[in-house]
Amino acid sequence: MKTNMGNLDRMIRFLLALVMGLLIYYDVVGGVISYILLAIIGIFALTSLVGFCPFYAVLGWNTFSQKR
């Protein structure tokens, strides 16, 4: 599978997942919103670790810069 995410994009996704996780952990958000955030956390964490985002592939976006 070809990567389509650059390091900055991956880091931002991982940090957002971490912040959302902390919001849930410290009960800043709760109820249905916490379950929605958990789903987003899972998606962000997985895509940042793998380096591939299916949504980017559908739109044709690529944040990965290749050195020539």
PDB file of N, CA and C in Angstrom:
ATOM      1  N   MET A   1       0.846  -1.175   0.000  1.00  0.00           N
ATOM      2  CA  MET A   1       0.000   0.000   0.000  1.00  0.00           C
ATOM      3  C   MET A   1       0.890   1.236   0.000  1.00  0.00           C
ATOM      4  N   LYS A   2       0.603   2.158  -0.869  1.00  0.00           N
ATOM      5  CA  LYS A   2       1.389   3.368  -1.017  1.00  0.00           C
ATOM      6  C   LYS A   2       0.962   4.402   0.027  1.00  0.00           C
ATOM      7  N   THR A   3       1.934   5.048   0.633  1.00  0.00           N
ATOM      8  CA  THR A   3       1.623   6.064   1.637  1.00  0.00           C
ATOM      9  C   THR A   3       1.176   7.352   0.955  1.00  0.00           C
ATOM     10  N   ASN A   4       0.240   8.035   1.545  1.00  0.00           N
ATOM     11  CA  ASN A   4      -0.211   9.312   1.003  1.00  0.00           C
ATOM     12  C   ASN A   4      -0.249  10.390   2.081  1.00  0.00           C
ATOM     13  N   MET A   5       0.388  10.122   3.215  1.00  0.00           N
ATOM     14  CA  MET A   5       0.394  11.084   4.312  1.00  0.00           C
ATOM     15  C   MET A   5       1.825  11.434   4.689  1.00  0.00           C
ATOM     16  N   GLY A   6       2.098  12.728   4.788  1.00  0.00           N
ATOM     17  CA  GLY A   6       3.406  13.188   5.211  1.00  0.00           C
ATOM     18  C   GLY A   6       3.558  13.100   6.724  1.00  0.00           C
ATOM     19  N   ASN A   7       4.781  13.299   7.185  1.00  0.00           N
ATOM     20  CA  ASN A   7       5.059  13.187   8.622  1.00  0.00           C
ATOM     21  C   ASN A   7       4.309  14.226   9.440  1.00  0.00           C
ATOM     22  N   LEU A   8       4.211  15.449   8.939  1.00  0.00           N
ATOM     23  CA  LEU A   8       3.490  16.491   9.672  1.00  0.00           C
ATOM     24  C   LEU A   8       2.010  16.129   9.797  1.00  0.00           C
ATOM     25  N   ASP A   9       1.422  15.637   8.721  1.00  0.00           N
ATOM     26  CA  ASP A   9       0.016  15.214   8.733  1.00  0.00           C
ATOM     27  C   ASP A   9      -0.197  14.087   9.737  1.00  0.00           C
ATOM     28  N   ARG A  10       0.705  13.120   9.745  1.00  0.00           N
ATOM     29  CA  ARG A  10       0.594  11.990  10.671  1.00  0.00           C
ATOM     30  C   ARG A  10       0.717  12.462  12.120  1.00  0.00           C
ATOM     31  N   MET A  11       1.635  13.393  12.376  1.00  0.00           N
ATOM     32  CA  MET A  11       1.838  13.890  13.732  1.00  0.00           C
ATOM     33  C   MET A  11       0.613  14.679  14.212  1.00  0.00           C
ATOM     34  N   ILE A  12       0.051  15.494  13.337  1.00  0.00           N
ATOM     35  CA  ILE A  12      -1.131  16.279  13.702  1.00  0.00           C
ATOM     36  C   ILE A  12      -2.308  15.358  14.026  1.00  0.00           C
ATOM     37  N   ARG A  13      -2.516  14.325  13.207  1.00  0.00           N
ATOM     38  CA  ARG A  13      -3.600  13.372  13.470  1.00  0.00           C
ATOM     39  C   ARG A  13      -3.405  12.669  14.812  1.00  0.00           C
ATOM     40  N   PHE A  14      -2.170  12.257  15.088  1.00  0.00           N
ATOM     41  CA  PHE A  14      -1.903  11.554  16.343  1.00  0.00           C
ATOM     42  C   PHE A  14      -2.118  12.481  17.543  1.00  0.00           C
ATOM     43  N   LEU A  15      -1.665  13.728  17.441  1.00  0.00           N
ATOM     44  CA  LEU A  15      -1.854  14.670  18.544  1.00  0.00           C
ATOM     45  C   LEU A  15      -3.327  14.998  18.759  1.00  0.00           C
ATOM     46  N   LEU A  16      -4.098  15.127  17.669  1.00  0.00           N
ATOM     47  CA  LEU A  16      -5.539  15.350  17.811  1.00  0.00           C
ATOM     48  C   LEU A  16      -6.215  14.163  18.493  1.00  0.00           C
ATOM     49  N   ALA A  17      -5.808  12.959  18.120  1.00  0.00           N
ATOM     50  CA  ALA A  17      -6.364  11.766  18.767  1.00  0.00           C
ATOM     51  C   ALA A  17      -6.025  11.764  20.254  1.00  0.00           C
ATOM     52  N   LEU A  18      -4.814  12.154  20.589  1.00  0.00           N
ATOM     53  CA  LEU A  18      -4.395  12.205  21.991  1.00  0.00           C
ATOM     54  C   LEU A  18      -5.208  13.235  22.769  1.00  0.00           C
ATOM     55  N   VAL A  19      -5.397  14.410  22.208  1.00  0.00           N
ATOM     56  CA  VAL A  19      -6.170  15.464  22.875  1.00  0.00           C
ATOM     57  C   VAL A  19      -7.619  15.026  23.068  1.00  0.00           C
ATOM     58  N   MET A  20      -8.211  14.420  22.041  1.00  0.00           N
ATOM     59  CA  MET A  20      -9.593  13.947  22.166  1.00  0.00           C
ATOM     60  C   MET A  20      -9.698  12.845  23.224  1.00  0.00           C
ATOM     61  N   GLY A  21      -8.685  11.985  23.284  1.00  0.00           N
ATOM     62  CA  GLY A  21      -8.671  10.943  24.307  1.00  0.00           C
ATOM     63  C   GLY A  21      -8.599  11.524  25.705  1.00  0.00           C
ATOM     64  N   LEU A  22      -7.801  12.579  25.872  1.00  0.00           N
ATOM     65  CA  LEU A  22      -7.704  13.234  27.178  1.00  0.00           C
ATOM     66  C   LEU A  22      -9.014  13.922  27.558  1.00  0.00           C
ATOM     67  N   LEU A  23      -9.697  14.485  26.577  1.00  0.00           N
ATOM     68  CA  LEU A  23     -11.006  15.104  26.858  1.00  0.00           C
ATOM     69  C   LEU A  23     -11.999  14.075  27.383  1.00  0.00           C
ATOM     70  N   ILE A  24     -11.961  12.890  26.816  1.00  0.00           N
ATOM     71  CA  ILE A  24     -12.851  11.830  27.286  1.00  0.00           C
ATOM     72  C   ILE A  24     -12.405  11.326  28.650  1.00  0.00           C
ATOM     73  N   TYR A  25     -11.100  11.132  28.826  1.00  0.00           N
ATOM     74  CA  TYR A  25     -10.563  10.583  30.073  1.00  0.00           C
ATOM     75  C   TYR A  25     -10.882  11.492  31.265  1.00  0.00           C
ATOM     76  N   TYR A  26     -10.756  12.805  31.067  1.00  0.00           N
ATOM     77  CA  TYR A  26     -11.002  13.740  32.167  1.00  0.00           C
ATOM     78  C   TYR A  26     -12.455  14.218  32.226  1.00  0.00           C
ATOM     79  N   ASP A  27     -13.356  13.524  31.559  1.00  0.00           N
ATOM     80  CA  ASP A  27     -14.798  13.806  31.579  1.00  0.00           C
ATOM     81  C   ASP A  27     -15.156  15.230  31.168  1.00  0.00           C
ATOM     82  N   VAL A  28     -14.414  15.776  30.232  1.00  0.00           N
ATOM     83  CA  VAL A  28     -14.774  17.082  29.689  1.00  0.00           C
ATOM     84  C   VAL A  28     -15.952  16.912  28.737  1.00  0.00           C
ATOM     85  N   VAL A  29     -15.957  15.810  28.007  1.00  0.00           N
ATOM     86  CA  VAL A  29     -17.085  15.475  27.141  1.00  0.00           C
ATOM     87  C   VAL A  29     -17.635  14.128  27.586  1.00  0.00           C
ATOM     88  N   GLY A  30     -18.892  13.922  27.354  1.00  0.00           N
ATOM     89  CA  GLY A  30     -19.511  12.666  27.763  1.00  0.00           C
ATOM     90  C   GLY A  30     -20.691  12.334  26.872  1.00  0.00           C
ATOM     91  N   GLY A  31     -21.325  11.243  27.188  1.00  0.00           N
ATOM     92  CA  GLY A  31     -22.512  10.830  26.449  1.00  0.00           C
ATOM     93  C   GLY A  31     -22.197  10.388  25.038  1.00  0.00           C
ATOM     94  N   VAL A  32     -23.092  10.740  24.137  1.00  0.00           N
ATOM     95  CA  VAL A  32     -22.974  10.332  22.746  1.00  0.00           C
ATOM     96  C   VAL A  32     -21.741  10.949  22.088  1.00  0.00           C
ATOM     97  N   ILE A  33     -21.415  12.172  22.463  1.00  0.00           N
ATOM     98  CA  ILE A  33     -20.257  12.846  21.877  1.00  0.00           C
ATOM     99  C   ILE A  33     -18.977  12.076  22.169  1.00  0.00           C
ATOM    100  N   SER A  34     -18.876  11.480  23.343  1.00  0.00           N
ATOM    101  CA  SER A  34     -17.663  10.725  23.672  1.00  0.00           C
ATOM    102  C   SER A  34     -17.526   9.488  22.782  1.00  0.00           C
ATOM    103  N   TYR A  35     -18.642   8.866  22.427  1.00  0.00           N
ATOM    104  CA  TYR A  35     -18.581   7.709  21.532  1.00  0.00           C
ATOM    105  C   TYR A  35     -18.194   8.122  20.105  1.00  0.00           C
ATOM    106  N   ILE A  36     -18.682   9.265  19.682  1.00  0.00           N
ATOM    107  CA  ILE A  36     -18.297   9.785  18.368  1.00  0.00           C
ATOM    108  C   ILE A  36     -16.803  10.102  18.355  1.00  0.00           C
ATOM    109  N   LEU A  37     -16.326  10.725  19.428  1.00  0.00           N
ATOM    110  CA  LEU A  37     -14.895  11.033  19.523  1.00  0.00           C
ATOM    111  C   LEU A  37     -14.054   9.764  19.565  1.00  0.00           C
ATOM    112  N   LEU A  38     -14.536   8.729  20.225  1.00  0.00           N
ATOM    113  CA  LEU A  38     -13.802   7.463  20.250  1.00  0.00           C
ATOM    114  C   LEU A  38     -13.648   6.882  18.849  1.00  0.00           C
ATOM    115  N   ALA A  39     -14.681   6.994  18.043  1.00  0.00           N
ATOM    116  CA  ALA A  39     -14.589   6.509  16.662  1.00  0.00           C
ATOM    117  C   ALA A  39     -13.569   7.336  15.875  1.00  0.00           C
ATOM    118  N   ILE A  40     -13.610   8.646  16.055  1.00  0.00           N
ATOM    119  CA  ILE A  40     -12.660   9.521  15.364  1.00  0.00           C
ATOM    120  C   ILE A  40     -11.235   9.248  15.844  1.00  0.00           C
ATOM    121  N   ILE A  41     -11.071   9.018  17.148  1.00  0.00           N
ATOM    122  CA  ILE A  41      -9.757   8.692  17.696  1.00  0.00           C
ATOM    123  C   ILE A  41      -9.208   7.431  17.037  1.00  0.00           C
ATOM    124  N   GLY A  42     -10.049   6.420  16.924  1.00  0.00           N
ATOM    125  CA  GLY A  42      -9.615   5.171  16.302  1.00  0.00           C
ATOM    126  C   GLY A  42      -9.176   5.376  14.862  1.00  0.00           C
ATOM    127  N   ILE A  43      -9.942   6.144  14.119  1.00  0.00           N
ATOM    128  CA  ILE A  43      -9.607   6.412  12.718  1.00  0.00           C
ATOM    129  C   ILE A  43      -8.311   7.212  12.627  1.00  0.00           C
ATOM    130  N   PHE A  44      -8.196   8.279  13.411  1.00  0.00           N
ATOM    131  CA  PHE A  44      -6.996   9.112  13.364  1.00  0.00           C
ATOM    132  C   PHE A  44      -5.757   8.336  13.792  1.00  0.00           C
ATOM    133  N   ALA A  45      -5.873   7.564  14.862  1.00  0.00           N
ATOM    134  CA  ALA A  45      -4.713   6.807  15.350  1.00  0.00           C
ATOM    135  C   ALA A  45      -4.284   5.757  14.323  1.00  0.00           C
ATOM    136  N   LEU A  46      -5.241   5.048  13.759  1.00  0.00           N
ATOM    137  CA  LEU A  46      -4.911   4.007  12.780  1.00  0.00           C
ATOM    138  C   LEU A  46      -4.285   4.596  11.523  1.00  0.00           C
ATOM    139  N   THR A  47      -4.885   5.650  10.992  1.00  0.00           N
ATOM    140  CA  THR A  47      -4.346   6.236   9.766  1.00  0.00           C
ATOM    141  C   THR A  47      -2.995   6.897   9.997  1.00  0.00           C
ATOM    142  N   SER A  48      -2.775   7.454  11.181  1.00  0.00           N
ATOM    143  CA  SER A  48      -1.466   8.065  11.440  1.00  0.00           C
ATOM    144  C   SER A  48      -0.386   7.004  11.610  1.00  0.00           C
ATOM    145  N   LEU A  49      -0.728   5.864  12.173  1.00  0.00           N
ATOM    146  CA  LEU A  49       0.260   4.800  12.334  1.00  0.00           C
ATOM    147  C   LEU A  49       0.559   4.099  11.012  1.00  0.00           C
ATOM    148  N   VAL A  50      -0.462   3.907  10.185  1.00  0.00           N
ATOM    149  CA  VAL A  50      -0.291   3.215   8.908  1.00  0.00           C
ATOM    150  C   VAL A  50       0.286   4.154   7.841  1.00  0.00           C
ATOM    151  N   GLY A  51      -0.066   5.423   7.902  1.00  0.00           N
ATOM    152  CA  GLY A  51       0.407   6.392   6.919  1.00  0.00           C
ATOM    153  C   GLY A  51      -0.432   6.434   5.662  1.00  0.00           C
ATOM    154  N   PHE A  52      -1.639   5.909   5.729  1.00  0.00           N
ATOM    155  CA  PHE A  52      -2.533   5.893   4.574  1.00  0.00           C
ATOM    156  C   PHE A  52      -3.932   6.291   5.010  1.00  0.00           C
ATOM    157  N   CYS A  53      -4.529   7.202   4.276  1.00  0.00           N
ATOM    158  CA  CYS A  53      -5.898   7.629   4.551  1.00  0.00           C
ATOM    159  C   CYS A  53      -6.756   7.338   3.321  1.00  0.00           C
ATOM    160  N   PRO A  54      -7.747   6.448   3.443  1.00  0.00           N
ATOM    161  CA  PRO A  54      -8.598   6.131   2.292  1.00  0.00           C
ATOM    162  C   PRO A  54      -9.347   7.345   1.748  1.00  0.00           C
ATOM    163  N   PHE A  55      -9.709   8.264   2.617  1.00  0.00           N
ATOM    164  CA  PHE A  55     -10.404   9.473   2.183  1.00  0.00           C
ATOM    165  C   PHE A  55      -9.507  10.317   1.283  1.00  0.00           C
ATOM    166  N   TYR A  56      -8.207  10.414   1.630  1.00  0.00           N
ATOM    167  CA  TYR A  56      -7.250  11.127   0.786  1.00  0.00           C
ATOM    168  C   TYR A  56      -7.142  10.458  -0.576  1.00  0.00           C
ATOM    169  N   ALA A  57      -7.149   9.126  -0.597  1.00  0.00           N
ATOM    170  CA  ALA A  57      -7.032   8.391  -1.851  1.00  0.00           C
ATOM    171  C   ALA A  57      -8.232   8.665  -2.758  1.00  0.00           C
ATOM    172  N   VAL A  58      -9.425   8.729  -2.181  1.00  0.00           N
ATOM    173  CA  VAL A  58     -10.632   8.998  -2.961  1.00  0.00           C
ATOM    174  C   VAL A  58     -10.579  10.402  -3.566  1.00  0.00           C
ATOM    175  N   LEU A  59     -10.101  11.365  -2.776  1.00  0.00           N
ATOM    176  CA  LEU A  59     -10.036  12.743  -3.256  1.00  0.00           C
ATOM    177  C   LEU A  59      -8.792  13.035  -4.090  1.00  0.00           C
ATOM    178  N   GLY A  60      -7.828  12.111  -4.072  1.00  0.00           N
ATOM    179  CA  GLY A  60      -6.594  12.315  -4.827  1.00  0.00           C
ATOM    180  C   GLY A  60      -5.595  13.210  -4.125  1.00  0.00           C
ATOM    181  N   TRP A  61      -5.748  13.386  -2.825  1.00  0.00           N
ATOM    182  CA  TRP A  61      -4.824  14.223  -2.055  1.00  0.00           C
ATOM    183  C   TRP A  61      -3.598  13.428  -1.677  1.00  0.00           C
ATOM    184  N   ASN A  62      -2.485  14.117  -1.514  1.00  0.00           N
ATOM    185  CA  ASN A  62      -1.241  13.491  -1.103  1.00  0.00           C
ATOM    186  C   ASN A  62      -0.429  14.518  -0.326  1.00  0.00           C
ATOM    187  N   THR A  63      -0.194  14.291   0.944  1.00  0.00           N
ATOM    188  CA  THR A  63       0.623  15.184   1.754  1.00  0.00           C
ATOM    189  C   THR A  63       2.031  14.647   1.941  1.00  0.00           C
ATOM    190  N   PHE A  64       2.338  13.535   1.285  1.00  0.00           N
ATOM    191  CA  PHE A  64       3.654  12.915   1.366  1.00  0.00           C
ATOM    192  C   PHE A  64       4.514  13.502   0.246  1.00  0.00           C
ATOM    193  N   SER A  65       5.605  14.157   0.640  1.00  0.00           N
ATOM    194  CA  SER A  65       6.498  14.717  -0.365  1.00  0.00           C
ATOM    195  C   SER A  65       7.677  13.780  -0.575  1.00  0.00           C
ATOM    196  N   GLN A  66       7.906  13.420  -1.809  1.00  0.00           N
ATOM    197  CA  GLN A  66       8.997  12.525  -2.141  1.00  0.00           C
ATOM    198  C   GLN A  66      10.213  13.343  -2.549  1.00  0.00           C
ATOM    199  N   LYS A  67      11.373  12.953  -2.029  1.00  0.00           N
ATOM    200  CA  LYS A  67      12.613  13.626  -2.401  1.00  0.00           C
ATOM    201  C   LYS A  67      13.053  13.107  -3.762  1.00  0.00           C
ATOM    202  N   ARG A  68      13.523  13.996  -4.599  1.00  0.00           N
ATOM    203  CA  ARG A  68      13.969  13.592  -5.944  1.00  0.00           C
ATOM    204  C   ARG A  68      15.454  13.459  -5.990  1.00  0.00           C
TER     205      ARG A  68
END
